[in-house]
Amino acid sequence: MREHGDSGKLTAQDRLRLEEVQVQLDRYFDLLRQRRAREEFGQDPDVVHMRSADTVEHYQQ
């Protein structure tokens, strides 16, 4: 889908769905980073929570 999106071959509905999938993927990566950080510092990784899409998408790189 990304290749087609870059070449302009996706419909508006496809682009919207791709964006939703990318945001959800970012949220899962954030959850994984939280778990790994807690493990690294000897804390319980099971107490992390999935952050909102708004929070994750507005992180500064």
Protein backbone atom coordinates (compact mmCIF):
# COMPACT_ATOMS: atom_id res chain seq x y z
CA MET A 1 0.00 0.00 0.00
CA ARG A 2 2.82 2.40 0.79
CA GLU A 3 4.34 1.96 -2.66
CA HIS A 4 1.02 2.66 -4.32
CA GLY A 5 0.45 5.63 -2.03
CA ASP A 6 3.80 7.14 -2.92
CA SER A 7 2.98 6.84 -6.61
CA GLY A 8 -0.50 8.32 -6.17
CA LYS A 9 -2.36 5.11 -7.04
CA LEU A 10 -4.45 4.90 -3.87
CA THR A 11 -8.00 6.09 -3.55
CA ALA A 12 -8.91 8.59 -0.85
CA GLN A 13 -10.40 5.74 1.17
CA ASP A 14 -7.19 3.69 0.79
CA ARG A 15 -5.08 6.65 1.93
CA LEU A 16 -7.26 7.12 4.99
CA ARG A 17 -7.01 3.42 5.88
CA LEU A 18 -3.23 3.45 5.39
CA GLU A 19 -2.92 6.43 7.71
CA GLU A 20 -5.05 4.67 10.35
CA VAL A 21 -2.87 1.56 10.13
CA GLN A 22 0.32 3.62 10.44
CA VAL A 23 -0.99 5.40 13.54
CA GLN A 24 -1.98 2.10 15.15
CA LEU A 25 1.44 0.66 14.34
CA ASP A 26 3.09 3.68 15.99
CA ARG A 27 0.98 3.08 19.10
CA TYR A 28 2.13 -0.55 19.29
CA PHE A 29 5.78 0.43 18.84
CA ASP A 30 5.35 2.94 21.67
CA LEU A 31 3.87 0.22 23.87
CA LEU A 32 6.83 -2.03 23.10
CA ARG A 33 9.29 0.78 23.94
CA GLN A 34 7.51 1.36 27.25
CA ARG A 35 7.74 -2.33 28.14
CA ARG A 36 11.42 -2.55 27.22
CA ALA A 37 12.26 0.56 29.24
CA ARG A 38 10.51 -0.81 32.32
CA GLU A 39 12.30 -4.15 31.95
CA GLU A 40 15.64 -2.38 31.57
CA PHE A 41 15.15 -0.57 34.88
CA GLY A 42 13.85 -3.61 36.78
CA GLN A 43 10.21 -2.54 36.78
CA ASP A 44 7.12 -4.55 35.91
CA PRO A 45 6.55 -4.31 32.12
CA ASP A 46 2.96 -5.49 32.52
CA VAL A 47 1.77 -2.17 33.99
CA VAL A 48 2.24 -0.15 30.81
CA HIS A 49 -0.71 1.15 28.86
CA MET A 50 -1.31 2.04 25.25
CA ARG A 51 -1.14 5.79 24.81
CA SER A 52 -3.63 7.69 22.68
CA ALA A 53 -2.98 8.22 18.99
CA ASP A 54 -2.85 11.96 19.62
CA THR A 55 -0.11 11.55 22.21
CA VAL A 56 2.00 9.17 20.13
CA GLU A 57 1.67 11.12 16.89
CA HIS A 58 2.78 14.38 18.51
CA TYR A 59 6.03 13.13 20.01
CA GLN A 60 9.01 15.23 19.08
CA GLN A 61 11.70 13.29 17.24
